[in-house]
Protein backbone atom coordinates (compact mmCIF):
# COMPACT_ATOMS: atom_id res chain seq x y z
CA UNK A 1 -5.71 26.42 42.78
CA UNK A 2 -8.58 25.34 40.78
CA UNK A 3 -7.04 25.99 37.48
CA UNK A 4 -3.68 24.05 38.74
CA UNK A 5 -6.05 21.00 39.57
CA UNK A 6 -7.68 21.30 36.42
CA UNK A 7 -4.64 21.71 34.27
CA UNK A 8 -3.40 18.58 36.13
CA UNK A 9 -6.25 16.56 35.11
CA UNK A 10 -5.93 17.79 31.52
CA UNK A 11 -2.27 16.71 31.34
CA UNK A 12 -3.37 13.19 32.76
CA UNK A 13 -6.07 12.75 30.15
CA UNK A 14 -3.56 13.84 27.43
CA UNK A 15 -0.99 11.38 28.69
CA UNK A 16 -3.45 8.48 28.68
CA UNK A 17 -4.35 9.48 25.10
CA UNK A 18 -0.69 9.51 24.07
CA UNK A 19 -0.04 6.14 25.91
CA UNK A 20 -2.80 4.83 24.02
CA UNK A 21 -1.55 6.06 20.66
CA UNK A 22 1.95 4.62 21.51
CA UNK A 23 0.64 1.40 22.45
CA UNK A 24 -1.66 0.68 19.30
CA UNK A 25 1.54 2.21 17.31
CA UNK A 26 3.81 -0.58 18.79
CA UNK A 27 1.16 -3.32 18.47
CA UNK A 28 1.08 -2.36 14.93
CA UNK A 29 4.58 -2.38 14.31
CA UNK A 30 5.17 -5.23 16.78
CA UNK A 31 6.86 -7.58 13.89
CA UNK A 32 9.24 -4.86 12.83
CA UNK A 33 10.21 -3.95 16.60
CA UNK A 34 10.76 -7.56 17.48
CA UNK A 35 12.73 -8.51 14.49
CA UNK A 36 14.89 -5.17 14.66
CA UNK A 37 15.91 -6.02 18.28
CA UNK A 38 16.67 -9.69 17.57
CA UNK A 39 18.31 -9.44 14.40
CA UNK A 40 19.55 -5.73 14.31
CA UNK A 41 21.54 -4.99 10.98
CA UNK A 42 20.41 -8.40 9.65
CA UNK A 43 16.62 -7.57 9.53
CA UNK A 44 15.05 -7.62 6.15
CA UNK A 45 11.99 -6.23 5.86
CA UNK A 46 11.77 -6.30 2.07
CA UNK A 47 12.03 -10.23 2.07
CA UNK A 48 10.89 -13.21 -0.11
CA UNK A 49 9.45 -15.82 0.07
CA UNK A 50 6.06 -13.35 0.51
CA UNK A 51 4.25 -14.48 3.62
CA UNK A 52 0.89 -12.31 3.15
CA UNK A 53 -0.83 -10.28 0.62
CA UNK A 54 -0.18 -7.09 2.50
CA UNK A 55 3.77 -8.22 2.60
CA UNK A 56 3.63 -8.90 -0.91
CA UNK A 57 2.19 -5.63 -1.85
CA UNK A 58 4.74 -3.58 0.47
CA UNK A 59 7.85 -5.07 -1.17
CA UNK A 60 6.74 -5.13 -4.40
CA UNK A 61 4.49 -2.20 -5.00
CA UNK A 62 5.23 0.79 -2.80
CA UNK A 63 8.86 0.05 -1.34
CA UNK A 64 10.22 0.28 -4.89
CA UNK A 65 8.47 3.54 -5.27
CA UNK A 66 10.04 4.78 -2.10
CA UNK A 67 13.46 3.51 -3.07
CA UNK A 68 13.10 5.32 -6.30
CA UNK A 69 12.40 8.68 -4.27
CA UNK A 70 15.49 8.09 -2.02
CA UNK A 71 17.51 7.63 -5.16
CA UNK A 72 16.38 10.47 -7.57
CA UNK A 73 14.71 12.80 -5.32
CA UNK A 74 11.68 13.02 -7.37
CA UNK A 75 8.25 11.57 -8.05
CA UNK A 76 8.22 7.85 -9.52
CA UNK A 77 7.67 7.57 -13.09
CA UNK A 78 8.23 3.89 -14.54
CA UNK A 79 10.40 2.41 -12.10
CA UNK A 80 11.51 -1.00 -13.84
CA UNK A 81 12.14 -1.04 -17.52
CA UNK A 82 14.63 1.63 -18.95
CA UNK A 83 13.15 1.88 -22.22
CA UNK A 84 9.89 3.13 -20.66
CA UNK A 85 11.61 5.44 -18.18
CA UNK A 86 9.74 8.63 -19.34
CA UNK A 87 6.23 7.18 -19.01
CA UNK A 88 4.50 9.14 -16.24
CA UNK A 89 3.02 7.26 -13.50
CA UNK A 90 0.20 8.93 -11.34
CA UNK A 91 -0.11 6.70 -8.67
CA UNK A 92 0.98 7.22 -4.99
CA UNK A 93 3.39 10.32 -5.35
CA UNK A 94 2.64 11.50 -1.59
CA UNK A 95 3.55 8.24 0.31
CA UNK A 96 6.42 7.70 -1.74
CA UNK A 97 7.80 11.08 -1.27
CA UNK A 98 7.12 10.94 2.58
CA UNK A 99 8.92 7.38 2.64
CA UNK A 100 11.47 8.06 0.23
CA UNK A 101 12.31 11.46 1.62
CA UNK A 102 12.91 10.07 4.88
CA UNK A 103 15.09 7.32 3.43
CA UNK A 104 16.92 10.02 1.99
CA UNK A 105 17.80 11.42 5.42
CA UNK A 106 18.52 8.48 7.12
CA UNK A 107 20.29 6.94 3.94
CA UNK A 108 18.21 3.89 4.46
CA UNK A 109 14.85 2.93 3.04
CA UNK A 110 14.57 -0.12 5.59
CA UNK A 111 14.81 1.99 8.55
CA UNK A 112 12.69 4.74 7.19
CA UNK A 113 9.92 1.83 6.69
CA UNK A 114 10.12 0.88 10.20
CA UNK A 115 9.99 4.26 11.44
CA UNK A 116 7.15 5.51 9.27
CA UNK A 117 4.90 2.34 10.48
CA UNK A 118 5.39 3.42 13.80
CA UNK A 119 5.11 6.95 13.56
CA UNK A 120 2.13 7.17 11.16
CA UNK A 121 0.37 4.46 13.30
CA UNK A 122 0.43 7.06 16.22
CA UNK A 123 -0.41 9.68 14.16
CA UNK A 124 -3.56 8.00 12.75
CA UNK A 125 -4.81 7.34 16.32
CA UNK A 126 -4.50 10.93 17.35
CA UNK A 127 -6.34 12.22 14.26
CA UNK A 128 -8.92 9.52 14.73
CA UNK A 129 -9.24 10.62 18.27
CA UNK A 130 -9.70 14.23 17.19
CA UNK A 131 -12.29 13.22 14.91
CA UNK A 132 -14.24 11.10 17.28
CA UNK A 133 -14.06 13.65 20.03
CA UNK A 134 -16.04 15.88 17.52
CA UNK A 135 -18.81 13.45 16.95
CA UNK A 136 -19.18 12.37 20.75
CA UNK A 137 -18.40 14.57 24.12
CA UNK A 138 -17.22 11.52 25.63
CA UNK A 139 -13.64 10.69 25.97
CA UNK A 140 -14.16 6.87 26.73
CA UNK A 141 -16.39 6.50 23.67
CA UNK A 142 -13.83 8.41 21.46
CA UNK A 143 -10.89 6.29 22.65
CA UNK A 144 -13.16 3.09 21.98
CA UNK A 145 -14.01 4.23 18.65
CA UNK A 146 -10.46 4.73 17.61
CA UNK A 147 -9.41 1.21 18.88
CA UNK A 148 -12.29 -0.18 16.75
CA UNK A 149 -10.93 1.67 13.75
CA UNK A 150 -7.23 0.56 14.29
CA UNK A 151 -8.01 -3.19 15.04
CA UNK A 152 -11.18 -4.32 13.57
CA UNK A 153 -11.79 -1.58 11.11
CA UNK A 154 -9.99 -2.61 8.11
CA UNK A 155 -10.04 -6.55 8.55
CA UNK A 156 -12.18 -8.07 11.34
CA UNK A 157 -11.33 -11.80 9.98
CA UNK A 158 -7.72 -10.97 9.71
CA UNK A 159 -7.38 -9.40 13.21
CA UNK A 160 -9.60 -12.18 15.10
CA UNK A 161 -8.04 -15.13 13.05
CA UNK A 162 -5.11 -17.30 14.06
CA UNK A 163 -5.81 -20.09 11.41
CA UNK A 164 -2.89 -21.00 9.52
CA UNK A 165 -3.88 -19.51 6.43
CA UNK A 166 -4.20 -15.82 7.97
CA UNK A 167 -1.67 -16.33 11.05
CA UNK A 168 1.26 -14.81 8.87
CA UNK A 169 -0.66 -11.70 7.86
CA UNK A 170 -0.42 -8.75 9.83
CA UNK A 171 -3.47 -6.55 10.87
CA UNK A 172 -4.52 -4.59 7.62
CA UNK A 173 -4.21 -1.21 9.52
CA UNK A 174 -0.47 -1.72 9.35
CA UNK A 175 -0.30 -2.08 5.73
CA UNK A 176 1.93 0.49 3.87
CA UNK A 177 1.15 2.58 2.00
CA UNK A 178 -2.34 2.23 2.21
CA UNK A 179 -4.46 2.54 4.85
CA UNK A 180 -1.57 3.69 6.99
CA UNK A 181 0.17 6.36 5.27
CA UNK A 182 -3.07 7.64 3.40
CA UNK A 183 -5.29 7.83 6.51
CA UNK A 184 -4.01 11.03 7.95
CA UNK A 185 -5.12 12.96 5.24
CA UNK A 186 -8.17 11.42 4.90
CA UNK A 187 -8.84 12.06 8.58
CA UNK A 188 -7.91 15.86 8.35
CA UNK A 189 -10.12 16.18 5.38
CA UNK A 190 -13.11 14.66 7.65
CA UNK A 191 -12.17 16.66 10.55
CA UNK A 192 -12.41 19.83 8.29
CA UNK A 193 -15.87 18.75 6.94
CA UNK A 194 -17.05 18.03 10.61
CA UNK A 195 -15.88 21.65 11.42
CA UNK A 196 -17.84 23.24 8.64
CA UNK A 197 -20.81 21.07 9.42
CA UNK A 198 -20.36 22.65 12.88
CA UNK A 199 -20.21 26.35 11.71
CA UNK A 200 -16.29 26.94 11.88
CA UNK A 201 -15.83 27.66 8.55
CA UNK A 202 -12.52 29.43 8.00
CA UNK A 203 -10.57 26.49 9.65
CA UNK A 204 -12.69 24.00 8.13
CA UNK A 205 -12.17 25.20 4.66
CA UNK A 206 -8.75 25.34 4.97
CA UNK A 207 -8.20 21.73 6.46
CA UNK A 208 -10.83 20.21 4.06
CA UNK A 209 -9.31 22.05 1.01
CA UNK A 210 -5.54 21.23 1.65
CA UNK A 211 -6.57 17.71 2.91
CA UNK A 212 -8.67 16.60 -0.19
CA UNK A 213 -6.13 18.42 -2.55
CA UNK A 214 -3.39 16.13 -1.25
CA UNK A 215 -5.66 13.14 -1.61
CA UNK A 216 -5.38 13.35 -5.54
CA UNK A 217 -1.60 12.29 -4.64
CA UNK A 218 -2.33 9.04 -2.46
CA UNK A 219 -4.81 6.45 -3.93
CA UNK A 220 -7.70 6.75 -6.40
CA UNK A 221 -10.52 4.95 -3.98
CA UNK A 222 -9.79 7.79 -1.36
CA UNK A 223 -9.72 10.24 -3.88
CA UNK A 224 -12.89 9.03 -5.68
CA UNK A 225 -14.78 8.68 -2.62
CA UNK A 226 -13.77 12.05 -0.91
CA UNK A 227 -14.73 13.92 -4.13
CA UNK A 228 -17.93 12.37 -4.32
CA UNK A 229 -18.49 13.25 -0.51
CA UNK A 230 -17.69 16.83 -1.35
CA UNK A 231 -20.28 16.86 -4.25
CA UNK A 232 -23.07 14.90 -2.12
CA UNK A 233 -22.55 17.20 0.61
CA UNK A 234 -22.83 20.54 -1.49
CA UNK A 235 -26.32 18.87 -2.92
CA UNK A 236 -27.23 18.17 0.77
CA UNK A 237 -26.70 21.73 2.04
CA UNK A 238 -28.34 23.03 -1.00
CA UNK A 239 -31.67 21.11 -0.16
CA UNK A 240 -31.22 21.82 3.45
CA UNK A 241 -30.92 25.62 2.70
CA UNK A 242 -27.58 25.77 4.55
CA UNK A 243 -26.24 28.26 2.39
CA UNK A 244 -22.91 29.22 4.14
CA UNK A 245 -22.02 25.70 4.74
CA UNK A 246 -22.73 24.77 0.83
CA UNK A 247 -20.21 28.12 0.08
CA UNK A 248 -17.67 26.33 2.59
CA UNK A 249 -17.65 22.92 0.87
CA UNK A 250 -17.51 24.81 -2.69
CA UNK A 251 -14.60 26.75 -1.36
CA UNK A 252 -12.75 23.80 -0.15
CA UNK A 253 -13.17 22.16 -3.49
CA UNK A 254 -11.78 24.90 -4.96
CA UNK A 255 -8.71 25.04 -3.00
CA UNK A 256 -8.40 21.06 -3.54
CA UNK A 257 -8.44 21.56 -7.28
CA UNK A 258 -5.99 24.21 -7.51
CA UNK A 259 -3.85 21.78 -5.16
CA UNK A 260 -4.37 19.02 -7.57
CA UNK A 261 -3.51 20.77 -10.58
CA UNK A 262 0.06 19.27 -10.98
CA UNK A 263 -1.68 15.87 -10.70
CA UNK A 264 -4.19 16.54 -13.78
CA UNK A 265 -1.15 17.85 -15.64
CA UNK A 266 0.69 14.54 -14.83
CA UNK A 267 -2.37 12.55 -15.73
CA UNK A 268 -2.99 14.12 -19.18
CA UNK A 269 0.78 13.70 -19.63
CA UNK A 270 0.24 10.03 -19.02
CA UNK A 271 -2.42 9.81 -21.41
CA UNK A 272 -0.13 11.38 -24.07
CA UNK A 273 3.19 9.56 -23.60
CA UNK A 274 1.10 6.21 -23.33
CA UNK A 275 -2.30 6.50 -25.44
CA UNK A 276 -3.23 2.65 -23.64
CA UNK A 277 -2.89 3.94 -20.18
CA UNK A 278 -6.41 3.80 -19.21
CA UNK A 279 -7.02 0.39 -20.93
CA UNK A 280 -3.99 -1.21 -19.26
CA UNK A 281 -5.08 -0.11 -15.85
CA UNK A 282 -8.81 -0.94 -16.23
CA UNK A 283 -10.22 -4.17 -14.62
CA UNK A 284 -12.27 -7.01 -15.45
CA UNK A 285 -15.97 -6.64 -14.69
CA UNK A 286 -16.59 -6.45 -11.12
CA UNK A 287 -19.30 -8.21 -9.07
CA UNK A 288 -19.46 -7.47 -5.38
CA UNK A 289 -19.87 -10.82 -3.47
CA UNK A 290 -23.13 -11.23 -1.68
CA UNK A 291 -21.65 -11.30 1.74
CA UNK A 292 -20.01 -7.73 0.93
CA UNK A 293 -23.39 -6.56 -0.63
CA UNK A 294 -25.34 -7.54 2.77
CA UNK A 295 -22.15 -6.32 5.14
CA UNK A 296 -22.42 -3.04 3.44
CA UNK A 297 -25.96 -2.69 3.62
CA UNK A 298 -25.96 -3.80 7.48
CA UNK A 299 -23.66 -1.39 8.25
CA UNK A 300 -25.17 1.63 6.80
CA UNK A 301 -28.60 0.48 8.30
CA UNK A 302 -27.09 0.02 11.74
CA UNK A 303 -25.64 3.48 11.48
CA UNK A 304 -29.31 4.89 11.02
CA UNK A 305 -30.67 2.68 13.41
CA UNK A 306 -28.27 3.84 16.17
CA UNK A 307 -28.93 7.32 15.35
CA UNK A 308 -32.78 7.05 15.84
CA UNK A 309 -31.93 5.70 19.43
CA UNK A 310 -29.79 8.78 20.42
CA UNK A 311 -31.68 10.96 22.95
CA UNK A 312 -30.09 14.10 21.72
CA UNK A 313 -31.18 16.14 18.55
CA UNK A 314 -30.19 18.74 16.48
CA UNK A 315 -26.47 19.88 16.06
CA UNK A 316 -25.30 16.76 17.17
CA UNK A 317 -27.38 14.46 14.95
CA UNK A 318 -26.25 16.52 11.96
CA UNK A 319 -22.65 16.17 12.96
CA UNK A 320 -22.51 12.69 11.46
CA UNK A 321 -23.44 14.03 7.83
CA UNK A 322 -20.04 14.12 6.24
CA UNK A 323 -19.16 10.50 7.55
CA UNK A 324 -22.44 9.37 6.56
CA UNK A 325 -22.09 10.80 2.90
CA UNK A 326 -18.55 9.25 2.57
CA UNK A 327 -19.49 5.97 3.55
CA UNK A 328 -22.60 5.69 1.43
CA UNK A 329 -20.59 7.39 -1.36
CA UNK A 330 -17.84 4.60 -1.14
CA UNK A 331 -20.39 1.72 -0.84
CA UNK A 332 -22.24 3.32 -3.93
CA UNK A 333 -19.18 3.31 -6.07
CA UNK A 334 -18.21 -0.24 -5.20
CA UNK A 335 -21.94 -1.69 -5.44
CA UNK A 336 -22.96 0.26 -8.13
CA UNK A 337 -20.84 2.38 -10.16
CA UNK A 338 -18.03 -0.46 -10.32
CA UNK A 339 -19.94 -3.07 -11.92
CA UNK A 340 -21.02 -0.74 -14.57
CA UNK A 341 -17.80 0.50 -15.24
CA UNK A 342 -14.12 -1.36 -16.31
CA UNK A 343 -12.21 1.37 -15.17
CA UNK A 344 -12.80 1.48 -11.29
CA UNK A 345 -10.22 -0.92 -10.24
CA UNK A 346 -9.73 -3.20 -7.27
CA UNK A 347 -13.22 -2.11 -6.49
CA UNK A 348 -13.35 -4.11 -2.87
CA UNK A 349 -11.21 -1.43 -1.61
CA UNK A 350 -14.04 0.61 -1.13
CA UNK A 351 -15.74 -1.50 1.14
CA UNK A 352 -12.62 -2.40 3.05
CA UNK A 353 -10.97 0.59 3.36
CA UNK A 354 -13.88 3.16 3.90
CA UNK A 355 -17.37 1.44 4.35
CA UNK A 356 -16.19 -1.15 6.84
CA UNK A 357 -13.65 0.69 8.47
CA UNK A 358 -15.45 4.11 8.98
CA UNK A 359 -18.67 2.44 9.19
CA UNK A 360 -17.60 0.57 12.24
CA UNK A 361 -15.93 3.63 13.48
CA UNK A 362 -19.23 5.45 13.43
CA UNK A 363 -21.35 2.53 14.79
CA UNK A 364 -18.73 2.44 17.75
CA UNK A 365 -19.52 6.06 18.53
CA UNK A 366 -23.35 5.76 18.33
CA UNK A 367 -23.18 2.56 20.20
CA UNK A 368 -20.93 4.00 22.91
CA UNK A 369 -23.43 6.91 23.22
CA UNK A 370 -25.97 4.44 23.73
CA UNK A 371 -24.20 2.28 26.16
CA UNK A 372 -22.98 5.21 28.43
CA UNK A 373 -26.47 5.92 29.27
CA UNK A 374 -26.92 2.45 31.00
CA UNK A 375 -25.15 2.57 34.16
CA UNK A 376 -24.79 -1.34 34.45
CA UNK A 377 -23.03 -1.11 30.86
CA UNK A 378 -20.98 1.62 31.64
CA UNK A 379 -17.69 -0.34 32.14
CA UNK A 380 -18.16 -2.62 29.06
CA UNK A 381 -16.32 -0.15 26.75
CA UNK A 382 -13.04 0.18 28.91
CA UNK A 383 -13.19 -3.64 28.93
CA UNK A 384 -13.91 -4.24 25.47
CA UNK A 385 -11.03 -1.69 24.85
CA UNK A 386 -8.47 -3.61 27.02
CA UNK A 387 -9.78 -7.14 25.08
CA UNK A 388 -8.76 -5.34 21.60
CA UNK A 389 -5.49 -4.04 22.90
CA UNK A 390 -4.44 -7.64 24.20
CA UNK A 391 -5.88 -9.30 21.13
CA UNK A 392 -3.58 -6.89 18.94
CA UNK A 393 -0.53 -7.82 20.79
CA UNK A 394 -1.29 -11.47 20.43
CA UNK A 395 -2.04 -11.39 16.92
CA UNK A 396 1.19 -9.51 15.94
CA UNK A 397 3.09 -11.64 18.15
CA UNK A 398 1.75 -14.63 16.32
CA UNK A 399 2.60 -13.00 12.85
CA UNK A 400 6.07 -12.47 14.21
CA UNK A 401 6.51 -15.81 15.22
CA UNK A 402 5.48 -17.01 11.38
CA UNK A 403 7.75 -14.37 9.40
CA UNK A 404 10.78 -14.22 11.84
CA UNK A 405 12.68 -17.35 9.66
CA UNK A 406 12.18 -15.11 6.58
CA UNK A 407 12.87 -11.85 7.97
CA UNK A 408 17.04 -12.45 8.41
CA UNK A 409 18.85 -11.06 5.52
CA UNK A 410 20.74 -13.70 3.44
CA UNK A 411 24.39 -12.99 2.96
CA UNK A 412 24.72 -13.47 -0.75
CA UNK A 413 21.82 -11.07 -1.47
CA UNK A 414 23.40 -8.37 0.86
CA UNK A 415 26.71 -8.76 -0.97
CA UNK A 416 24.81 -8.51 -4.43
CA UNK A 417 23.09 -5.10 -3.04
CA UNK A 418 26.44 -3.49 -2.25
CA UNK A 419 28.27 -4.62 -5.32
CA UNK A 420 25.31 -3.25 -7.42
CA UNK A 421 25.60 0.12 -5.35
CA UNK A 422 29.32 0.39 -5.64
CA UNK A 423 29.36 -0.29 -9.50
CA UNK A 424 26.07 0.45 -11.14
CA UNK A 425 24.84 4.14 -12.05
CA UNK A 426 21.15 5.04 -12.08
CA UNK A 427 21.22 4.53 -15.89
CA UNK A 428 22.34 0.99 -15.69
CA UNK A 429 20.01 -1.97 -16.28
CA UNK A 430 20.64 -5.14 -14.18
CA UNK A 431 19.75 -8.93 -15.14
CA UNK A 432 18.84 -11.10 -12.03
CA UNK A 433 17.99 -14.72 -12.44
CA UNK A 434 15.79 -15.28 -9.73
CA UNK A 435 12.43 -13.54 -10.22
CA UNK A 436 11.56 -13.17 -6.80
CA UNK A 437 14.65 -11.23 -6.07
CA UNK A 438 14.04 -9.55 -8.91
CA UNK A 439 10.97 -8.30 -7.60
CA UNK A 440 12.04 -7.12 -4.30
CA UNK A 441 15.54 -6.01 -5.01
CA UNK A 442 14.61 -2.51 -5.87
CA UNK A 443 12.83 -2.05 -2.66
CA UNK A 444 16.33 -2.49 -1.08
CA UNK A 445 18.24 -0.41 -3.84
CA UNK A 446 16.66 0.98 -6.97
CA UNK A 447 18.17 0.11 -10.20
CA UNK A 448 16.50 -0.42 -13.52
CA UNK A 449 15.88 -4.10 -14.18
CA UNK A 450 15.68 -6.06 -17.48
CA UNK A 451 12.32 -7.49 -16.75
CA UNK A 452 9.71 -6.09 -14.62
CA UNK A 453 7.39 -6.86 -11.70
CA UNK A 454 4.62 -6.24 -14.12
CA UNK A 455 1.90 -4.77 -11.76
CA UNK A 456 4.06 -1.55 -11.76
CA UNK A 457 5.57 -1.59 -15.02
CA UNK A 458 4.18 -0.23 -18.87
CA UNK A 459 6.23 -3.33 -20.40
CA UNK A 460 3.58 -5.44 -22.32
CA UNK A 461 2.89 -9.06 -20.89
CA UNK A 462 4.42 -10.83 -24.02
CA UNK A 463 7.43 -8.82 -24.08
CA UNK A 464 8.07 -9.12 -20.44
CA UNK A 465 7.70 -12.90 -20.69
CA UNK A 466 10.39 -12.70 -23.60
CA UNK A 467 12.82 -10.67 -21.38
CA UNK A 468 12.31 -12.98 -18.62
CA UNK A 469 13.08 -16.16 -20.82
CA UNK A 470 16.10 -14.20 -22.33
CA UNK A 471 17.50 -13.59 -18.77
CA UNK A 472 17.07 -17.29 -18.14
CA UNK A 473 18.88 -18.20 -21.33
CA UNK A 474 21.48 -15.60 -20.48
CA UNK A 475 22.08 -17.79 -17.30
CA UNK A 476 21.90 -21.01 -19.12
CA UNK A 477 18.75 -22.28 -17.43
CA UNK A 478 17.45 -25.54 -19.01
CA UNK A 479 13.97 -24.92 -20.69
CA UNK A 480 12.48 -27.70 -18.32
CA UNK A 481 13.18 -25.53 -15.25
CA UNK A 482 11.83 -22.26 -16.98
CA UNK A 483 8.58 -24.15 -18.26
CA UNK A 484 7.99 -25.36 -14.77
CA UNK A 485 8.02 -21.94 -13.55
CA UNK A 486 5.88 -20.22 -16.15
CA UNK A 487 3.26 -23.58 -15.84
CA UNK A 488 3.12 -22.42 -12.63
CA UNK A 489 3.95 -25.77 -10.87
CA UNK A 490 3.40 -25.60 -7.32
CA UNK A 491 6.78 -27.01 -6.77
CA UNK A 492 8.30 -23.93 -8.16
CA UNK A 493 6.19 -21.14 -6.27
CA UNK A 494 8.39 -19.82 -3.57
CA UNK A 495 5.63 -18.21 -1.56
CA UNK A 496 3.24 -18.93 1.04
CA UNK A 497 0.52 -16.74 -0.90
CA UNK A 498 -0.77 -19.25 -3.16
CA UNK A 499 -1.60 -16.99 -6.13
CA UNK A 500 2.14 -15.64 -6.37
CA UNK A 501 3.37 -17.45 -9.15
CA UNK A 502 6.02 -16.52 -11.87
CA UNK A 503 3.33 -16.01 -14.19
CA UNK A 504 1.87 -13.71 -11.56
CA UNK A 505 4.84 -11.86 -10.85
CA UNK A 506 5.46 -11.26 -14.48
CA UNK A 507 2.02 -10.86 -16.21
CA UNK A 508 -0.47 -10.96 -13.08
CA UNK A 509 -1.89 -14.17 -14.59
CA UNK A 510 -2.28 -17.04 -12.32
CA UNK A 511 -0.40 -19.25 -15.03
CA UNK A 512 0.23 -19.53 -18.84
CA UNK A 513 -1.61 -21.84 -21.37
CA UNK A 514 0.25 -24.52 -23.14
CA UNK A 515 0.01 -22.49 -26.34
CA UNK A 516 2.00 -19.55 -24.80
CA UNK A 517 4.59 -21.66 -23.25
CA UNK A 518 5.32 -23.24 -26.57
CA UNK A 519 5.77 -19.84 -28.27
CA UNK A 520 8.10 -18.88 -25.56
CA UNK A 521 9.99 -22.24 -26.15
CA UNK A 522 10.38 -21.37 -29.58
CA UNK A 523 11.69 -17.86 -28.56
CA UNK A 524 14.06 -19.69 -26.13
CA UNK A 525 15.43 -22.25 -28.81
CA UNK A 526 16.00 -19.31 -31.14
CA UNK A 527 17.13 -16.66 -28.80
CA UNK A 528 20.05 -14.67 -29.83
CA UNK A 529 21.57 -11.01 -28.80
CA UNK A 530 19.51 -9.65 -31.61
CA UNK A 531 16.60 -9.31 -29.02
CA UNK A 532 18.68 -6.62 -26.94
CA UNK A 533 19.49 -4.53 -30.07
CA UNK A 534 16.49 -2.07 -29.07
CA UNK A 535 16.90 -2.87 -25.36
CA UNK A 536 19.29 -1.95 -22.30
CA UNK A 537 20.98 -4.32 -20.30
CA UNK A 538 24.23 -3.58 -18.99
CA UNK A 539 25.03 -5.66 -15.98
CA UNK A 540 24.07 -9.15 -14.35
CA UNK A 541 24.78 -10.52 -10.99
CA UNK A 542 25.22 -14.23 -10.15
CA UNK A 543 24.45 -14.92 -6.38
CA UNK A 544 26.62 -18.37 -6.43
CA UNK A 545 29.09 -20.30 -8.36
CA UNK A 546 26.35 -22.02 -10.26
CA UNK A 547 24.72 -19.09 -11.44
CA UNK A 548 28.05 -17.49 -12.20
CA UNK A 549 29.15 -20.57 -14.32
CA UNK A 550 25.61 -20.46 -16.18
CA UNK A 551 26.13 -16.89 -16.74
CA UNK A 552 29.55 -17.45 -18.55
CA UNK A 553 28.16 -20.45 -20.45
CA UNK A 554 24.89 -18.60 -21.48
CA UNK A 555 26.89 -15.39 -22.42
CA UNK A 556 28.86 -17.46 -24.82
CA UNK A 557 26.01 -19.17 -26.37
CA UNK A 558 24.34 -15.60 -27.01
CA UNK A 559 27.42 -14.36 -28.35
CA UNK A 560 27.52 -11.80 -25.73
CA UNK A 561 30.53 -10.50 -23.87
CA UNK A 562 30.48 -11.33 -20.07
CA UNK A 563 33.27 -9.15 -17.88
CA UNK A 564 33.73 -9.72 -14.39
CA UNK A 565 33.54 -6.22 -12.67
CA UNK A 566 33.60 -7.01 -8.96
CA UNK A 567 33.34 -10.03 -6.97
CA UNK A 568 33.12 -10.91 -3.07
CA UNK A 569 32.88 -14.39 -1.89
CA UNK A 570 30.79 -16.50 -4.26
CA UNK A 571 28.76 -13.24 -5.58
CA UNK A 572 29.87 -11.67 -9.04
CA UNK A 573 28.91 -8.70 -10.76
CA UNK A 574 29.26 -8.83 -14.47
CA UNK A 575 29.09 -6.33 -17.28
CA UNK A 576 27.31 -7.47 -20.25
CA UNK A 577 27.79 -6.25 -24.16
CA UNK A 578 27.61 -7.62 -27.42
CA UNK A 579 30.69 -9.10 -28.93
CA UNK A 580 32.49 -6.53 -31.07
CA UNK A 581 30.74 -3.81 -29.30
CA UNK A 582 27.01 -2.83 -29.14
């Protein structure tokens, strides 16, 4: 009888955890869910104008790679320019395979995007809870720490802010691919290290080795921070004379490196095929801002102060060691290594996705342990947890209100997508006049493009600008309009993210100098079909009658043959070729 009662209690506890996980998952996916329920098949998650930086990253960086995997069932190489298609990409294989694999099963990248955001938010919650329970014996404290991680962890200002500049930006936790699709592997690695730290060696070695090996195929800042954590843990265990733990971490590291062999080979291949690979992806010198330095120091100091206040000592105290080393390692990379090396790009991600997020996670656990011992404060954690959940839904509902107007699909773009899918092979190259549509189109349906979204492409800035100008010339766009876009005139920026000008899309620079624009005007004036002699362009899509008339006129001026392949309503698909054959 007692065993039945205990089993019922355990099931109730498990039900509470699952319900909370699904609640957070629904909150993280709320804009998707409401849009899908209200717009149904007309919901377009890969939309423009861009409404926030996370949304911009998703539709221009990450979704095209998933779409590539869906179409080709292989890891993404160059995802945009035909002439560079053999250049190897060593970024975010695993998230692209997960998202693209589900898209291949469902036949729809959009649907897979919505499903994965919902499922992975719940998965992260459950894994974070499993980790928290290993760091504290109290279920309430563990749940509170997980809520902190999933709400405040990756962007406190964004989560708590409803000001116009941030109201359209969803909570950063919900951003795909990172942190959402990468976190399960990082959390699994931390769970494995915690097992090793508490003398559960076999399972700890296996989990840590596999998870850290898979991290090689995600994002470099998780990969680098975790590698440094393994190295520092090995050194710590050496000085503590914890020989079995040291050997376990070394064994896990060996497993990780064996799993990473294909990644190493891909990286070497990338260097061979593209000698300027490292230079191209290197960053300008990084200097951490004063508030970030203070915040990182404050987080680390708070962890050590709270640890000193814990009544218990011994094993419980040591069990935080892997988490502490991860946080300190990430802070060291950002604050010390990054300013000295141009090869650590986007160094702010180390603070945002590791130091701040997991720092607050550990502080919540330590602070919760301290508060639970105070009778008057024992109900504070559940109350704060409820406030966090309510705030999550208010924030995400406000985001939906802001983006709903952009989330409905445009009929002419849907028609263009269907025409391209029907008539173009994976070896064809498409020209699109609108650079914003050009940047998001591969997220909806992957095809090679004549000019690139530069941040994913191996094409040089000057060549990409010329490709763009040639496309505008092909559609017979007047130079005055092209020049206005290249000058980053605010009137031509179709985005609420102020930095996303046409130069940003093409070169990652905010604007072009008058000298650069003058050189491009000379190219525009002298443009001919000679420009495409060593480049491939096979088709162009016109979204309306004006673009179609411009395409026909521009083709004649460039001595190119424009042959109508398919048309529906006012959307036309043309085959492009040089007069007399090419």
